[in-house]
């Protein structure tokens, strides 16, 4: 779960507007230990119109989709929904 949370943070910092559920995958190696697959299809809103004020992410962070509105409160809400790890 920590690695997924870190990937989500990366996609937020990167303004990854295409980071939807289908762009995350889980690998099951021979030993049977599930792990997050390497990130792929990483795109950033920064490469496009940087003057736009309505930049939206594919998945919400703590209920908020608009990139510029997400704050610590949203991250804590998101972490609480992930097994209550708001101290991350």
C-alpha atoms as a PDB file:
ATOM      1  CA  UNK A   1       0.000   0.000   0.000  1.00  0.00           C
ATOM      2  CA  UNK A   2       2.875   2.376   0.742  1.00  0.00           C
ATOM      3  CA  UNK A   3       4.246   2.035  -2.795  1.00  0.00           C
ATOM      4  CA  UNK A   4       0.826   2.830  -4.294  1.00  0.00           C
ATOM      5  CA  UNK A   5       0.547   5.886  -2.051  1.00  0.00           C
ATOM      6  CA  UNK A   6       4.013   7.015  -3.175  1.00  0.00           C
ATOM      7  CA  UNK A   7       3.032   6.490  -6.829  1.00  0.00           C
ATOM      8  CA  UNK A   8      -0.056   8.608  -6.278  1.00  0.00           C
ATOM      9  CA  UNK A   9       2.065  11.353  -4.701  1.00  0.00           C
ATOM     10  CA  UNK A  10       4.411  11.228  -7.701  1.00  0.00           C
ATOM     11  CA  UNK A  11       1.504  11.524 -10.121  1.00  0.00           C
ATOM     12  CA  UNK A  12       0.162  14.484  -8.138  1.00  0.00           C
ATOM     13  CA  UNK A  13       3.543  16.275  -8.174  1.00  0.00           C
ATOM     14  CA  UNK A  14       3.845  15.467 -11.876  1.00  0.00           C
ATOM     15  CA  UNK A  15       0.245  16.633 -12.503  1.00  0.00           C
ATOM     16  CA  UNK A  16      -0.387  13.211 -13.981  1.00  0.00           C
ATOM     17  CA  UNK A  17      -3.803  13.642 -15.513  1.00  0.00           C
ATOM     18  CA  UNK A  18      -3.828  10.122 -16.989  1.00  0.00           C
ATOM     19  CA  UNK A  19      -3.157   8.270 -13.720  1.00  0.00           C
ATOM     20  CA  UNK A  20      -6.426   6.342 -13.657  1.00  0.00           C
ATOM     21  CA  UNK A  21      -7.059   2.871 -12.247  1.00  0.00           C
ATOM     22  CA  UNK A  22      -6.244   1.088 -15.519  1.00  0.00           C
ATOM     23  CA  UNK A  23      -2.730   2.571 -15.430  1.00  0.00           C
ATOM     24  CA  UNK A  24      -1.868   0.831 -12.178  1.00  0.00           C
ATOM     25  CA  UNK A  25      -1.247  -2.897 -12.119  1.00  0.00           C
ATOM     26  CA  UNK A  26      -0.249  -5.587  -9.654  1.00  0.00           C
ATOM     27  CA  UNK A  27       2.372  -8.219 -10.444  1.00  0.00           C
ATOM     28  CA  UNK A  28       2.393 -11.668  -8.902  1.00  0.00           C
ATOM     29  CA  UNK A  29       5.923 -13.080  -9.159  1.00  0.00           C
ATOM     30  CA  UNK A  30       6.686 -16.780  -8.854  1.00  0.00           C
ATOM     31  CA  UNK A  31       7.107 -16.496  -5.072  1.00  0.00           C
ATOM     32  CA  UNK A  32       3.516 -15.241  -4.842  1.00  0.00           C
ATOM     33  CA  UNK A  33       4.276 -11.877  -3.214  1.00  0.00           C
ATOM     34  CA  UNK A  34       2.080  -9.250  -4.847  1.00  0.00           C
ATOM     35  CA  UNK A  35       3.729  -5.978  -5.809  1.00  0.00           C
ATOM     36  CA  UNK A  36       2.849  -2.811  -7.676  1.00  0.00           C
ATOM     37  CA  UNK A  37       3.980  -2.904 -11.316  1.00  0.00           C
ATOM     38  CA  UNK A  38       6.308  -0.152 -12.516  1.00  0.00           C
ATOM     39  CA  UNK A  39       4.446   3.021 -13.418  1.00  0.00           C
ATOM     40  CA  UNK A  40       3.584   3.447 -17.077  1.00  0.00           C
ATOM     41  CA  UNK A  41       1.647   5.830 -19.315  1.00  0.00           C
ATOM     42  CA  UNK A  42       2.918   8.730 -17.229  1.00  0.00           C
ATOM     43  CA  UNK A  43       1.777  12.025 -18.713  1.00  0.00           C
ATOM     44  CA  UNK A  44       1.873  15.479 -17.181  1.00  0.00           C
ATOM     45  CA  UNK A  45      -0.489  18.413 -17.532  1.00  0.00           C
ATOM     46  CA  UNK A  46       2.575  20.672 -17.393  1.00  0.00           C
ATOM     47  CA  UNK A  47       3.397  19.811 -21.015  1.00  0.00           C
ATOM     48  CA  UNK A  48       0.147  21.398 -22.126  1.00  0.00           C
ATOM     49  CA  UNK A  49      -1.670  24.635 -21.373  1.00  0.00           C
ATOM     50  CA  UNK A  50      -0.107  25.822 -18.119  1.00  0.00           C
ATOM     51  CA  UNK A  51      -2.509  28.771 -17.860  1.00  0.00           C
ATOM     52  CA  UNK A  52      -5.589  26.590 -17.390  1.00  0.00           C
ATOM     53  CA  UNK A  53      -7.198  26.773 -13.980  1.00  0.00           C
ATOM     54  CA  UNK A  54      -9.366  23.661 -14.297  1.00  0.00           C
ATOM     55  CA  UNK A  55      -6.690  20.954 -14.326  1.00  0.00           C
ATOM     56  CA  UNK A  56      -8.297  17.695 -13.276  1.00  0.00           C
ATOM     57  CA  UNK A  57      -6.745  14.408 -12.245  1.00  0.00           C
ATOM     58  CA  UNK A  58      -8.164  11.060 -13.365  1.00  0.00           C
ATOM     59  CA  UNK A  59      -8.680   9.936  -9.749  1.00  0.00           C
ATOM     60  CA  UNK A  60      -9.577  12.086  -6.789  1.00  0.00           C
ATOM     61  CA  UNK A  61      -7.327  12.729  -3.824  1.00  0.00           C
ATOM     62  CA  UNK A  62      -9.514  12.779  -0.730  1.00  0.00           C
ATOM     63  CA  UNK A  63     -12.568  13.558  -2.857  1.00  0.00           C
ATOM     64  CA  UNK A  64     -10.991  16.382  -4.893  1.00  0.00           C
ATOM     65  CA  UNK A  65     -10.188  16.028  -8.616  1.00  0.00           C
ATOM     66  CA  UNK A  66      -8.950  19.553  -9.328  1.00  0.00           C
ATOM     67  CA  UNK A  67      -5.167  19.528  -9.096  1.00  0.00           C
ATOM     68  CA  UNK A  68      -4.760  23.075  -7.805  1.00  0.00           C
ATOM     69  CA  UNK A  69      -7.336  22.616  -5.015  1.00  0.00           C
ATOM     70  CA  UNK A  70      -5.756  19.559  -3.374  1.00  0.00           C
ATOM     71  CA  UNK A  71      -4.228  20.352   0.010  1.00  0.00           C
ATOM     72  CA  UNK A  72      -3.074  18.515   3.137  1.00  0.00           C
ATOM     73  CA  UNK A  73      -6.680  17.943   4.229  1.00  0.00           C
ATOM     74  CA  UNK A  74      -7.383  15.975   1.035  1.00  0.00           C
ATOM     75  CA  UNK A  75      -4.229  13.891   1.439  1.00  0.00           C
ATOM     76  CA  UNK A  76      -5.153  13.061   5.043  1.00  0.00           C
ATOM     77  CA  UNK A  77      -8.652  12.077   3.949  1.00  0.00           C
ATOM     78  CA  UNK A  78      -7.200   9.857   1.248  1.00  0.00           C
ATOM     79  CA  UNK A  79      -4.719   8.251   3.668  1.00  0.00           C
ATOM     80  CA  UNK A  80      -7.488   7.614   6.197  1.00  0.00           C
ATOM     81  CA  UNK A  81      -9.414   5.763   3.507  1.00  0.00           C
ATOM     82  CA  UNK A  82      -6.342   3.565   2.896  1.00  0.00           C
ATOM     83  CA  UNK A  83      -6.383   1.586   6.127  1.00  0.00           C
ATOM     84  CA  UNK A  84      -6.109   4.684   8.295  1.00  0.00           C
ATOM     85  CA  UNK A  85      -2.495   5.634   7.579  1.00  0.00           C
ATOM     86  CA  UNK A  86      -2.879   9.417   7.765  1.00  0.00           C
ATOM     87  CA  UNK A  87       0.595   9.683   9.324  1.00  0.00           C
ATOM     88  CA  UNK A  88       2.204   8.918   5.934  1.00  0.00           C
END
